[in-house]
């Protein structure tokens, strides 16, 4: 399944990384601890978190995650979205 399909089915809005919405998702991982995501997520996973700081972009790139879903209507700031667009990480 691709990120764009997940976004459509869950009625999610892409805030950044729109160029990579055709990426295949291999699974999902949910955690709010960066160290846990680094240790236990797998390449191609979509990460579900409430974190909204720039460090999540670095973790997503490090682990080659498909994208990030931010929960609880949390809004990332412009700097975080800019970094996500620079790194082509779908948010």
N, C-alpha and C. Protein backbone atom coordinates (compact mmCIF):
# COMPACT_ATOMS: atom_id res chain seq x y z
N UNK A 1 0.85 -1.17 0.00
CA UNK A 1 0.00 0.00 0.00
C UNK A 1 0.90 1.24 0.00
N UNK A 2 0.46 2.26 -0.65
CA UNK A 2 1.23 3.50 -0.76
C UNK A 2 0.72 4.53 0.26
N UNK A 3 1.58 5.49 0.58
CA UNK A 3 1.20 6.52 1.55
C UNK A 3 -0.05 7.25 1.09
N UNK A 4 -0.15 7.57 -0.18
CA UNK A 4 -1.33 8.30 -0.66
C UNK A 4 -2.61 7.51 -0.43
N UNK A 5 -2.55 6.17 -0.53
CA UNK A 5 -3.72 5.33 -0.28
C UNK A 5 -4.12 5.37 1.20
N UNK A 6 -3.13 5.31 2.07
CA UNK A 6 -3.40 5.38 3.50
C UNK A 6 -4.00 6.74 3.85
N UNK A 7 -3.41 7.80 3.31
CA UNK A 7 -3.91 9.15 3.58
C UNK A 7 -5.36 9.29 3.11
N UNK A 8 -5.65 8.74 1.96
CA UNK A 8 -7.02 8.83 1.43
C UNK A 8 -8.00 8.06 2.31
N UNK A 9 -7.66 6.82 2.66
CA UNK A 9 -8.56 5.99 3.46
C UNK A 9 -8.79 6.56 4.85
N UNK A 10 -7.76 7.19 5.44
CA UNK A 10 -7.87 7.73 6.79
C UNK A 10 -8.23 9.21 6.79
N UNK A 11 -8.43 9.77 5.61
CA UNK A 11 -8.77 11.18 5.44
C UNK A 11 -7.72 12.09 6.11
N UNK A 12 -6.46 11.81 5.78
CA UNK A 12 -5.34 12.59 6.31
C UNK A 12 -4.89 13.61 5.28
N UNK A 13 -4.31 14.70 5.76
CA UNK A 13 -3.81 15.76 4.90
C UNK A 13 -2.28 15.73 4.91
N UNK A 14 -1.68 15.74 3.74
CA UNK A 14 -0.22 15.79 3.63
C UNK A 14 0.25 17.21 3.89
N UNK A 15 1.09 17.38 4.91
CA UNK A 15 1.61 18.69 5.27
C UNK A 15 2.98 18.95 4.66
N UNK A 16 3.68 17.88 4.32
CA UNK A 16 5.03 18.01 3.75
C UNK A 16 5.37 16.72 3.03
N UNK A 17 6.40 16.78 2.21
CA UNK A 17 6.89 15.60 1.51
C UNK A 17 5.93 15.05 0.47
N UNK A 18 5.12 15.92 -0.11
CA UNK A 18 4.12 15.48 -1.08
C UNK A 18 4.73 14.78 -2.29
N UNK A 19 6.00 15.01 -2.56
CA UNK A 19 6.66 14.36 -3.69
C UNK A 19 6.84 12.85 -3.48
N UNK A 20 6.75 12.40 -2.24
CA UNK A 20 6.99 10.99 -1.93
C UNK A 20 5.73 10.24 -1.50
N UNK A 21 4.57 10.67 -1.92
CA UNK A 21 3.34 10.00 -1.51
C UNK A 21 3.11 8.68 -2.22
N UNK A 22 3.93 8.38 -3.24
CA UNK A 22 3.82 7.11 -3.94
C UNK A 22 4.73 6.03 -3.35
N UNK A 23 5.32 6.31 -2.21
CA UNK A 23 6.22 5.36 -1.55
C UNK A 23 5.40 4.20 -0.99
N UNK A 24 5.91 2.99 -1.16
CA UNK A 24 5.26 1.81 -0.58
C UNK A 24 5.50 1.75 0.91
N UNK A 25 4.46 1.42 1.65
CA UNK A 25 4.54 1.26 3.10
C UNK A 25 4.58 -0.23 3.40
N UNK A 26 5.59 -0.65 4.15
CA UNK A 26 5.78 -2.07 4.46
C UNK A 26 5.14 -2.48 5.78
N UNK A 27 4.80 -1.51 6.59
CA UNK A 27 4.21 -1.78 7.90
C UNK A 27 4.09 -0.48 8.66
N UNK A 28 3.75 -0.58 9.91
CA UNK A 28 3.62 0.61 10.73
C UNK A 28 4.34 0.45 12.05
N UNK A 29 4.70 1.57 12.64
CA UNK A 29 5.32 1.56 13.96
C UNK A 29 4.81 2.76 14.74
N UNK A 30 4.41 2.54 15.96
CA UNK A 30 3.89 3.60 16.82
C UNK A 30 4.76 3.73 18.05
N UNK A 31 5.29 4.93 18.24
CA UNK A 31 6.08 5.22 19.44
C UNK A 31 6.34 6.71 19.49
N UNK A 32 6.52 7.21 20.70
CA UNK A 32 6.87 8.61 20.89
C UNK A 32 8.30 8.76 21.40
N UNK A 33 8.99 7.66 21.56
CA UNK A 33 10.39 7.69 21.99
C UNK A 33 11.29 7.51 20.77
N UNK A 34 12.09 8.51 20.48
CA UNK A 34 12.96 8.44 19.30
C UNK A 34 13.89 7.23 19.36
N UNK A 35 14.44 6.95 20.53
CA UNK A 35 15.37 5.82 20.66
C UNK A 35 14.65 4.50 20.38
N UNK A 36 13.39 4.39 20.76
CA UNK A 36 12.61 3.18 20.49
C UNK A 36 12.40 3.01 18.99
N UNK A 37 12.08 4.10 18.31
CA UNK A 37 11.87 4.04 16.85
C UNK A 37 13.17 3.65 16.16
N UNK A 38 14.28 4.22 16.61
CA UNK A 38 15.58 3.88 16.02
C UNK A 38 15.89 2.40 16.23
N UNK A 39 15.59 1.89 17.40
CA UNK A 39 15.93 0.50 17.73
C UNK A 39 14.98 -0.52 17.10
N UNK A 40 13.72 -0.16 16.90
CA UNK A 40 12.73 -1.19 16.58
C UNK A 40 11.92 -1.02 15.30
N UNK A 41 11.92 0.13 14.69
CA UNK A 41 11.16 0.29 13.44
C UNK A 41 11.94 -0.33 12.29
N UNK A 42 11.22 -0.57 11.20
CA UNK A 42 11.85 -1.17 10.03
C UNK A 42 11.73 -0.25 8.82
N UNK A 43 12.66 -0.40 7.92
CA UNK A 43 12.64 0.36 6.67
C UNK A 43 11.27 0.22 6.01
N UNK A 44 10.74 1.34 5.55
CA UNK A 44 9.46 1.33 4.86
C UNK A 44 8.25 1.46 5.76
N UNK A 45 8.46 1.42 7.08
CA UNK A 45 7.34 1.60 8.02
C UNK A 45 6.82 3.03 7.95
N UNK A 46 5.56 3.20 8.25
CA UNK A 46 5.01 4.52 8.49
C UNK A 46 4.97 4.68 10.01
N UNK A 47 5.48 5.80 10.48
CA UNK A 47 5.64 6.04 11.92
C UNK A 47 4.47 6.89 12.40
N UNK A 48 3.83 6.44 13.46
CA UNK A 48 2.72 7.16 14.07
C UNK A 48 3.20 7.71 15.41
N UNK A 49 3.11 9.03 15.57
CA UNK A 49 3.64 9.68 16.76
C UNK A 49 2.90 10.97 17.07
N UNK A 50 3.10 11.47 18.28
CA UNK A 50 2.59 12.80 18.61
C UNK A 50 3.71 13.83 18.65
N UNK A 51 4.92 13.41 18.38
CA UNK A 51 6.06 14.33 18.36
C UNK A 51 5.96 15.27 17.16
N UNK A 52 6.35 16.53 17.35
CA UNK A 52 6.26 17.49 16.25
C UNK A 52 7.54 18.32 16.10
N UNK A 53 8.65 17.84 16.60
CA UNK A 53 9.90 18.58 16.48
C UNK A 53 10.75 18.03 15.33
N UNK A 54 11.76 18.79 14.95
CA UNK A 54 12.57 18.44 13.78
C UNK A 54 13.31 17.11 13.91
N UNK A 55 13.57 16.66 15.11
CA UNK A 55 14.33 15.42 15.29
C UNK A 55 13.61 14.21 14.70
N UNK A 56 12.29 14.27 14.57
CA UNK A 56 11.59 13.12 13.99
C UNK A 56 11.94 12.95 12.52
N UNK A 57 12.28 14.06 11.86
CA UNK A 57 12.68 13.97 10.45
C UNK A 57 14.01 13.23 10.35
N UNK A 58 14.94 13.54 11.24
CA UNK A 58 16.24 12.87 11.24
C UNK A 58 16.08 11.37 11.49
N UNK A 59 15.21 11.00 12.40
CA UNK A 59 14.98 9.59 12.70
C UNK A 59 14.35 8.90 11.49
N UNK A 60 13.38 9.54 10.87
CA UNK A 60 12.73 8.95 9.68
C UNK A 60 13.75 8.71 8.57
N UNK A 61 14.65 9.66 8.37
CA UNK A 61 15.69 9.50 7.34
C UNK A 61 16.68 8.39 7.73
N UNK A 62 17.09 8.39 8.99
CA UNK A 62 18.03 7.39 9.47
C UNK A 62 17.51 5.97 9.25
N UNK A 63 16.23 5.76 9.53
CA UNK A 63 15.63 4.44 9.42
C UNK A 63 14.96 4.18 8.07
N UNK A 64 15.02 5.16 7.16
CA UNK A 64 14.40 5.06 5.84
C UNK A 64 12.92 4.70 5.96
N UNK A 65 12.22 5.45 6.82
CA UNK A 65 10.79 5.25 7.02
C UNK A 65 10.03 5.85 5.85
N UNK A 66 8.85 5.30 5.58
CA UNK A 66 8.04 5.77 4.45
C UNK A 66 7.45 7.15 4.71
N UNK A 67 7.14 7.45 5.96
CA UNK A 67 6.55 8.73 6.31
C UNK A 67 6.15 8.75 7.77
N UNK A 68 5.55 9.86 8.17
CA UNK A 68 5.17 10.05 9.58
C UNK A 68 3.72 10.53 9.62
N UNK A 69 2.95 9.91 10.50
CA UNK A 69 1.60 10.38 10.80
C UNK A 69 1.64 11.00 12.18
N UNK A 70 1.22 12.25 12.27
CA UNK A 70 1.19 12.96 13.55
C UNK A 70 -0.26 12.94 14.05
N UNK A 71 -0.44 12.51 15.29
CA UNK A 71 -1.79 12.32 15.85
C UNK A 71 -2.22 13.48 16.75
N UNK A 72 -3.45 13.40 17.21
CA UNK A 72 -4.04 14.33 18.17
C UNK A 72 -4.11 15.77 17.68
N UNK A 73 -4.26 15.92 16.37
CA UNK A 73 -4.36 17.27 15.78
C UNK A 73 -3.21 18.19 16.13
N UNK A 74 -2.05 17.62 16.39
CA UNK A 74 -0.87 18.43 16.69
C UNK A 74 -0.35 19.04 15.40
N UNK A 75 0.02 20.28 15.46
CA UNK A 75 0.48 21.02 14.28
C UNK A 75 1.98 21.30 14.37
N UNK A 76 2.76 20.73 13.46
CA UNK A 76 4.19 21.03 13.44
C UNK A 76 4.43 22.47 12.99
N UNK A 77 5.53 23.05 13.45
CA UNK A 77 5.83 24.43 13.05
C UNK A 77 6.43 24.47 11.65
N UNK A 78 6.56 25.67 11.13
CA UNK A 78 7.05 25.88 9.76
C UNK A 78 8.45 25.33 9.56
N UNK A 79 9.32 25.46 10.55
CA UNK A 79 10.69 24.95 10.42
C UNK A 79 10.72 23.44 10.28
N UNK A 80 9.87 22.75 11.02
CA UNK A 80 9.82 21.30 10.93
C UNK A 80 9.30 20.88 9.56
N UNK A 81 8.28 21.54 9.07
CA UNK A 81 7.74 21.21 7.75
C UNK A 81 8.74 21.53 6.65
N UNK A 82 9.49 22.60 6.80
CA UNK A 82 10.53 22.95 5.83
C UNK A 82 11.58 21.83 5.77
N UNK A 83 12.00 21.35 6.94
CA UNK A 83 12.98 20.27 7.00
C UNK A 83 12.42 19.00 6.37
N UNK A 84 11.16 18.70 6.63
CA UNK A 84 10.53 17.51 6.04
C UNK A 84 10.50 17.62 4.51
N UNK A 85 10.19 18.80 4.01
CA UNK A 85 10.18 18.99 2.55
C UNK A 85 11.59 18.87 1.97
N UNK A 86 12.58 19.43 2.66
CA UNK A 86 13.96 19.32 2.19
C UNK A 86 14.42 17.87 2.11
N UNK A 87 13.97 17.05 3.07
CA UNK A 87 14.37 15.64 3.14
C UNK A 87 13.38 14.71 2.44
N UNK A 88 12.30 15.28 1.87
CA UNK A 88 11.27 14.49 1.19
C UNK A 88 10.64 13.43 2.09
N UNK A 89 10.35 13.81 3.33
CA UNK A 89 9.69 12.92 4.28
C UNK A 89 8.22 13.31 4.35
N UNK A 90 7.33 12.43 3.91
CA UNK A 90 5.90 12.75 4.00
C UNK A 90 5.43 12.87 5.44
N UNK A 91 4.73 13.95 5.70
CA UNK A 91 4.12 14.20 7.02
C UNK A 91 2.62 14.30 6.80
